[in-house]
Amino acid sequence: MLVSREFLLASAHNLPSYRGKCEKIHGHTYKLRITVEGEINEEGLAFDFKKLKEIVEEKVIKILDHTYLNEIIPVPSCENIAIWVWERLKDSLPLVEVRVWESPDTFVTLRIGKEGGE
C-alpha cells in the first residue's frame, strides 16, 4: 500500500548557469509529496500520517523553509531538490517517491527502485 503526504515550503534560489529568469534570485512556494510503502498493520495503517509528517518536517522542512536554497543545495533545481530530499529521508522512511512542484503545473518526480536504479 502506498501512503503519501504533501508539504509546502517557501524558499528563494537561483540557477547561476541558467540563461533566463531563473538566473536571478527569486522565490517559490514549493510543494513536496512524499510517498512511502507499507503493509497494513493491526491498527489498519500502512504508515502513520503523523509519523510521516514528523520525520519530513524534522529532516526537510525545518532545514529548507524560508531559506536561500543555494546555501544548502549547490544547484537547487527541482531535480536536485528532489535528490536532496530523497537522501535526507531514505534511511528514515520506506520511500517510494519524492515529487517536488515549483509551480502548480511544473514538477519533477524521483523514484529509485529497490536495486538503487532510477
N, C-alpha and C. Protein backbone atom coordinates (compact mmCIF):
# COMPACT_ATOMS: atom_id res chain seq x y z
N MET A 1 0.86 -1.17 0.00
CA MET A 1 0.00 0.00 0.00
C MET A 1 0.90 1.23 0.00
N LEU A 2 0.56 2.21 -0.83
CA LEU A 2 1.30 3.46 -0.87
C LEU A 2 0.59 4.51 -0.04
N VAL A 3 1.37 5.27 0.71
CA VAL A 3 0.85 6.33 1.58
C VAL A 3 1.62 7.60 1.24
N SER A 4 0.91 8.70 1.02
CA SER A 4 1.56 9.97 0.65
C SER A 4 1.10 11.10 1.55
N ARG A 5 1.97 12.07 1.70
CA ARG A 5 1.63 13.30 2.42
C ARG A 5 2.29 14.46 1.68
N GLU A 6 1.60 15.59 1.64
CA GLU A 6 2.12 16.76 0.95
C GLU A 6 2.51 17.84 1.95
N PHE A 7 3.52 18.62 1.57
CA PHE A 7 4.08 19.66 2.41
C PHE A 7 4.35 20.89 1.56
N LEU A 8 4.26 22.07 2.17
CA LEU A 8 4.60 23.32 1.50
C LEU A 8 5.82 23.93 2.16
N LEU A 9 6.65 24.56 1.35
CA LEU A 9 7.76 25.33 1.90
C LEU A 9 8.05 26.49 0.96
N ALA A 10 8.41 27.60 1.54
CA ALA A 10 8.73 28.80 0.76
C ALA A 10 10.22 29.05 0.85
N SER A 11 10.86 29.17 -0.30
CA SER A 11 12.30 29.37 -0.34
C SER A 11 12.68 30.20 -1.56
N ALA A 12 13.87 30.79 -1.48
CA ALA A 12 14.44 31.52 -2.61
C ALA A 12 15.59 30.71 -3.18
N HIS A 13 15.87 30.92 -4.46
CA HIS A 13 17.01 30.28 -5.09
C HIS A 13 17.33 31.00 -6.39
N ASN A 14 18.41 30.61 -6.99
CA ASN A 14 18.71 30.99 -8.36
C ASN A 14 19.55 29.88 -8.98
N LEU A 15 19.54 29.85 -10.30
CA LEU A 15 20.31 28.85 -11.04
C LEU A 15 21.38 29.62 -11.83
N PRO A 16 22.59 29.76 -11.26
CA PRO A 16 23.62 30.63 -11.84
C PRO A 16 24.01 30.29 -13.27
N SER A 17 23.97 29.04 -13.66
CA SER A 17 24.38 28.64 -15.01
C SER A 17 23.24 28.71 -16.03
N TYR A 18 22.04 28.98 -15.55
CA TYR A 18 20.87 29.04 -16.44
C TYR A 18 20.80 30.41 -17.08
N ARG A 19 20.47 30.46 -18.35
CA ARG A 19 20.32 31.74 -19.04
C ARG A 19 18.83 32.05 -19.16
N GLY A 20 18.39 33.00 -18.37
CA GLY A 20 16.98 33.36 -18.36
C GLY A 20 16.59 33.86 -16.98
N LYS A 21 15.28 33.94 -16.73
CA LYS A 21 14.77 34.49 -15.47
C LYS A 21 15.30 33.77 -14.24
N CYS A 22 15.47 32.46 -14.33
CA CYS A 22 15.88 31.68 -13.15
C CYS A 22 17.32 31.93 -12.74
N GLU A 23 18.05 32.68 -13.56
CA GLU A 23 19.43 33.04 -13.24
C GLU A 23 19.47 34.01 -12.05
N LYS A 24 18.40 34.79 -11.89
CA LYS A 24 18.33 35.78 -10.81
C LYS A 24 17.64 35.18 -9.59
N ILE A 25 17.96 35.72 -8.43
CA ILE A 25 17.34 35.23 -7.20
C ILE A 25 15.84 35.50 -7.25
N HIS A 26 15.08 34.46 -6.94
CA HIS A 26 13.61 34.55 -6.92
C HIS A 26 13.10 33.47 -5.97
N GLY A 27 11.82 33.51 -5.69
CA GLY A 27 11.26 32.57 -4.72
C GLY A 27 10.14 31.73 -5.28
N HIS A 28 9.88 30.64 -4.59
CA HIS A 28 8.78 29.73 -4.92
C HIS A 28 8.13 29.27 -3.62
N THR A 29 6.87 28.94 -3.71
CA THR A 29 6.24 28.13 -2.68
C THR A 29 6.22 26.72 -3.25
N TYR A 30 7.18 25.94 -2.81
CA TYR A 30 7.32 24.56 -3.30
C TYR A 30 6.29 23.67 -2.62
N LYS A 31 5.85 22.67 -3.34
CA LYS A 31 5.03 21.62 -2.74
C LYS A 31 5.81 20.32 -2.88
N LEU A 32 5.89 19.57 -1.80
CA LEU A 32 6.53 18.26 -1.81
C LEU A 32 5.48 17.20 -1.56
N ARG A 33 5.57 16.11 -2.28
CA ARG A 33 4.76 14.93 -1.96
C ARG A 33 5.74 13.79 -1.68
N ILE A 34 5.65 13.26 -0.48
CA ILE A 34 6.50 12.15 -0.07
C ILE A 34 5.61 10.91 -0.03
N THR A 35 6.03 9.86 -0.74
CA THR A 35 5.26 8.62 -0.80
C THR A 35 6.10 7.49 -0.23
N VAL A 36 5.49 6.76 0.70
CA VAL A 36 6.13 5.60 1.33
C VAL A 36 5.28 4.37 1.07
N GLU A 37 5.85 3.21 1.39
CA GLU A 37 5.15 1.95 1.16
C GLU A 37 5.14 1.14 2.44
N GLY A 38 4.06 0.43 2.66
CA GLY A 38 3.98 -0.43 3.83
C GLY A 38 2.83 -1.41 3.73
N GLU A 39 2.89 -2.41 4.58
CA GLU A 39 1.80 -3.38 4.70
C GLU A 39 0.83 -2.87 5.77
N ILE A 40 -0.43 -3.12 5.59
CA ILE A 40 -1.42 -2.69 6.58
C ILE A 40 -1.22 -3.50 7.86
N ASN A 41 -1.08 -2.79 8.98
CA ASN A 41 -0.82 -3.44 10.27
C ASN A 41 -2.12 -3.68 11.04
N GLU A 42 -1.98 -4.14 12.28
CA GLU A 42 -3.16 -4.47 13.10
C GLU A 42 -4.00 -3.25 13.44
N GLU A 43 -3.39 -2.04 13.36
CA GLU A 43 -4.14 -0.80 13.58
C GLU A 43 -4.91 -0.37 12.32
N GLY A 44 -4.66 -1.08 11.21
CA GLY A 44 -5.30 -0.72 9.96
C GLY A 44 -4.53 0.30 9.14
N LEU A 45 -3.27 0.54 9.52
CA LEU A 45 -2.46 1.56 8.86
C LEU A 45 -1.30 0.93 8.09
N ALA A 46 -1.04 1.44 6.90
CA ALA A 46 0.17 1.04 6.17
C ALA A 46 1.35 1.89 6.63
N PHE A 47 1.09 3.15 6.97
CA PHE A 47 2.10 4.03 7.56
C PHE A 47 1.36 5.18 8.22
N ASP A 48 1.77 5.53 9.41
CA ASP A 48 1.10 6.57 10.20
C ASP A 48 1.38 7.96 9.60
N PHE A 49 0.33 8.68 9.20
CA PHE A 49 0.48 10.02 8.63
C PHE A 49 1.22 10.95 9.60
N LYS A 50 0.94 10.81 10.90
CA LYS A 50 1.59 11.67 11.90
C LYS A 50 3.09 11.43 11.92
N LYS A 51 3.50 10.18 11.89
CA LYS A 51 4.93 9.85 11.88
C LYS A 51 5.59 10.37 10.61
N LEU A 52 4.92 10.22 9.48
CA LEU A 52 5.45 10.73 8.21
C LEU A 52 5.65 12.24 8.29
N LYS A 53 4.67 12.94 8.82
CA LYS A 53 4.78 14.40 8.97
C LYS A 53 5.95 14.78 9.88
N GLU A 54 6.07 14.12 11.01
CA GLU A 54 7.14 14.44 11.96
C GLU A 54 8.52 14.26 11.34
N ILE A 55 8.72 13.17 10.63
CA ILE A 55 10.03 12.89 10.03
C ILE A 55 10.35 13.89 8.93
N VAL A 56 9.41 14.15 8.05
CA VAL A 56 9.66 15.08 6.93
C VAL A 56 9.87 16.50 7.46
N GLU A 57 9.09 16.92 8.42
CA GLU A 57 9.28 18.26 8.96
C GLU A 57 10.64 18.41 9.62
N GLU A 58 11.07 17.39 10.35
CA GLU A 58 12.37 17.45 11.04
C GLU A 58 13.54 17.41 10.07
N LYS A 59 13.50 16.54 9.09
CA LYS A 59 14.65 16.30 8.22
C LYS A 59 14.68 17.16 6.96
N VAL A 60 13.55 17.77 6.60
CA VAL A 60 13.49 18.54 5.35
C VAL A 60 12.93 19.94 5.56
N ILE A 61 11.70 20.04 6.02
CA ILE A 61 11.01 21.33 6.06
C ILE A 61 11.73 22.33 6.96
N LYS A 62 12.13 21.92 8.16
CA LYS A 62 12.82 22.83 9.08
C LYS A 62 14.12 23.35 8.50
N ILE A 63 14.73 22.60 7.61
CA ILE A 63 16.01 22.99 7.02
C ILE A 63 15.81 23.89 5.80
N LEU A 64 14.82 23.60 4.97
CA LEU A 64 14.66 24.32 3.70
C LEU A 64 13.69 25.49 3.74
N ASP A 65 12.73 25.49 4.65
CA ASP A 65 11.69 26.52 4.64
C ASP A 65 12.25 27.89 4.98
N HIS A 66 11.89 28.89 4.18
CA HIS A 66 12.31 30.27 4.36
C HIS A 66 13.84 30.41 4.39
N THR A 67 14.48 29.78 3.40
CA THR A 67 15.92 29.88 3.27
C THR A 67 16.28 30.26 1.84
N TYR A 68 17.56 30.56 1.65
CA TYR A 68 18.14 30.71 0.33
C TYR A 68 18.74 29.34 0.00
N LEU A 69 18.08 28.59 -0.85
CA LEU A 69 18.43 27.19 -1.10
C LEU A 69 19.85 26.99 -1.59
N ASN A 70 20.42 27.95 -2.29
CA ASN A 70 21.78 27.80 -2.81
C ASN A 70 22.81 27.60 -1.71
N GLU A 71 22.49 28.02 -0.49
CA GLU A 71 23.41 27.81 0.64
C GLU A 71 23.35 26.38 1.17
N ILE A 72 22.35 25.60 0.74
CA ILE A 72 22.16 24.23 1.22
C ILE A 72 22.36 23.22 0.10
N ILE A 73 21.82 23.51 -1.06
CA ILE A 73 21.89 22.64 -2.24
C ILE A 73 22.61 23.45 -3.32
N PRO A 74 23.81 23.02 -3.73
CA PRO A 74 24.63 23.86 -4.62
C PRO A 74 23.92 24.37 -5.89
N VAL A 75 23.19 23.54 -6.58
CA VAL A 75 22.42 23.97 -7.76
C VAL A 75 20.98 23.53 -7.52
N PRO A 76 20.18 24.38 -6.86
CA PRO A 76 18.86 23.96 -6.39
C PRO A 76 17.75 23.99 -7.45
N SER A 77 17.94 23.20 -8.49
CA SER A 77 16.87 22.97 -9.45
C SER A 77 15.85 22.04 -8.79
N CYS A 78 14.68 21.93 -9.35
CA CYS A 78 13.69 20.98 -8.81
C CYS A 78 14.28 19.58 -8.75
N GLU A 79 15.01 19.21 -9.80
CA GLU A 79 15.61 17.88 -9.86
C GLU A 79 16.57 17.66 -8.69
N ASN A 80 17.44 18.64 -8.44
CA ASN A 80 18.40 18.48 -7.34
C ASN A 80 17.75 18.59 -5.97
N ILE A 81 16.69 19.35 -5.86
CA ILE A 81 15.95 19.39 -4.59
C ILE A 81 15.36 18.01 -4.31
N ALA A 82 14.78 17.38 -5.31
CA ALA A 82 14.20 16.04 -5.12
C ALA A 82 15.27 15.04 -4.67
N ILE A 83 16.45 15.09 -5.29
CA ILE A 83 17.54 14.19 -4.89
C ILE A 83 17.96 14.47 -3.46
N TRP A 84 18.09 15.75 -3.10
CA TRP A 84 18.49 16.12 -1.74
C TRP A 84 17.47 15.60 -0.72
N VAL A 85 16.18 15.80 -1.01
CA VAL A 85 15.12 15.32 -0.11
C VAL A 85 15.21 13.81 0.04
N TRP A 86 15.37 13.10 -1.07
CA TRP A 86 15.47 11.63 -1.02
C TRP A 86 16.63 11.21 -0.11
N GLU A 87 17.77 11.83 -0.30
CA GLU A 87 18.95 11.48 0.51
C GLU A 87 18.71 11.73 2.00
N ARG A 88 17.99 12.80 2.32
CA ARG A 88 17.70 13.12 3.72
C ARG A 88 16.74 12.12 4.36
N LEU A 89 15.85 11.54 3.56
CA LEU A 89 14.77 10.70 4.10
C LEU A 89 15.00 9.20 3.95
N LYS A 90 15.87 8.79 3.06
CA LYS A 90 15.96 7.37 2.67
C LYS A 90 16.27 6.43 3.82
N ASP A 91 16.97 6.87 4.84
CA ASP A 91 17.30 5.99 5.96
C ASP A 91 16.22 5.99 7.04
N SER A 92 15.26 6.89 6.95
CA SER A 92 14.22 7.01 7.97
C SER A 92 12.85 6.53 7.53
N LEU A 93 12.65 6.39 6.22
CA LEU A 93 11.33 6.05 5.69
C LEU A 93 11.45 5.00 4.59
N PRO A 94 10.40 4.19 4.41
CA PRO A 94 10.37 3.25 3.27
C PRO A 94 9.93 3.99 2.00
N LEU A 95 10.81 4.87 1.51
CA LEU A 95 10.49 5.76 0.40
C LEU A 95 10.19 5.03 -0.89
N VAL A 96 9.22 5.54 -1.61
CA VAL A 96 8.89 5.07 -2.95
C VAL A 96 9.05 6.20 -3.95
N GLU A 97 8.66 7.42 -3.54
CA GLU A 97 8.66 8.53 -4.49
C GLU A 97 8.77 9.86 -3.76
N VAL A 98 9.50 10.78 -4.37
CA VAL A 98 9.55 12.17 -3.94
C VAL A 98 9.14 13.01 -5.14
N ARG A 99 8.15 13.85 -4.95
CA ARG A 99 7.70 14.75 -6.03
C ARG A 99 7.84 16.17 -5.51
N VAL A 100 8.40 17.05 -6.35
CA VAL A 100 8.62 18.45 -5.98
C VAL A 100 7.99 19.33 -7.06
N TRP A 101 7.03 20.16 -6.64
CA TRP A 101 6.42 21.16 -7.52
C TRP A 101 7.10 22.50 -7.26
N GLU A 102 7.42 23.21 -8.35
CA GLU A 102 7.95 24.56 -8.20
C GLU A 102 6.85 25.57 -8.53
N SER A 103 5.82 25.09 -9.22
CA SER A 103 4.64 25.89 -9.51
C SER A 103 3.47 24.91 -9.64
N PRO A 104 2.24 25.41 -9.72
CA PRO A 104 1.11 24.48 -9.79
C PRO A 104 1.15 23.50 -10.97
N ASP A 105 1.87 23.87 -12.03
CA ASP A 105 1.86 22.99 -13.21
C ASP A 105 3.24 22.48 -13.64
N THR A 106 4.25 22.66 -12.81
CA THR A 106 5.58 22.13 -13.13
C THR A 106 6.14 21.39 -11.92
N PHE A 107 6.57 20.15 -12.15
CA PHE A 107 7.11 19.34 -11.06
C PHE A 107 8.05 18.28 -11.60
N VAL A 108 8.84 17.71 -10.69
CA VAL A 108 9.68 16.56 -11.01
C VAL A 108 9.30 15.43 -10.06
N THR A 109 9.55 14.21 -10.52
CA THR A 109 9.26 13.02 -9.72
C THR A 109 10.50 12.16 -9.68
N LEU A 110 10.90 11.76 -8.49
CA LEU A 110 12.05 10.87 -8.31
C LEU A 110 11.57 9.57 -7.70
N ARG A 111 11.87 8.48 -8.39
CA ARG A 111 11.60 7.12 -7.89
C ARG A 111 12.89 6.34 -8.03
N ILE A 112 13.32 5.73 -6.97
CA ILE A 112 14.51 4.89 -7.02
C ILE A 112 14.10 3.50 -6.58
N GLY A 113 14.35 2.52 -7.41
CA GLY A 113 13.94 1.15 -7.11
C GLY A 113 14.76 0.52 -6.01
N LYS A 114 14.34 -0.66 -5.61
CA LYS A 114 15.00 -1.41 -4.54
C LYS A 114 16.46 -1.68 -4.86
N GLU A 115 16.79 -1.76 -6.15
CA GLU A 115 18.16 -2.05 -6.57
C GLU A 115 19.00 -0.78 -6.63
N GLY A 116 18.39 0.38 -6.37
CA GLY A 116 19.13 1.63 -6.37
C GLY A 116 19.14 2.35 -7.70
N GLY A 117 18.53 1.77 -8.73
CA GLY A 117 18.49 2.43 -10.03
C GLY A 117 17.31 3.36 -10.14
N GLU A 118 17.46 4.42 -10.94
CA GLU A 118 16.38 5.38 -11.12
C GLU A 118 15.48 4.97 -12.25
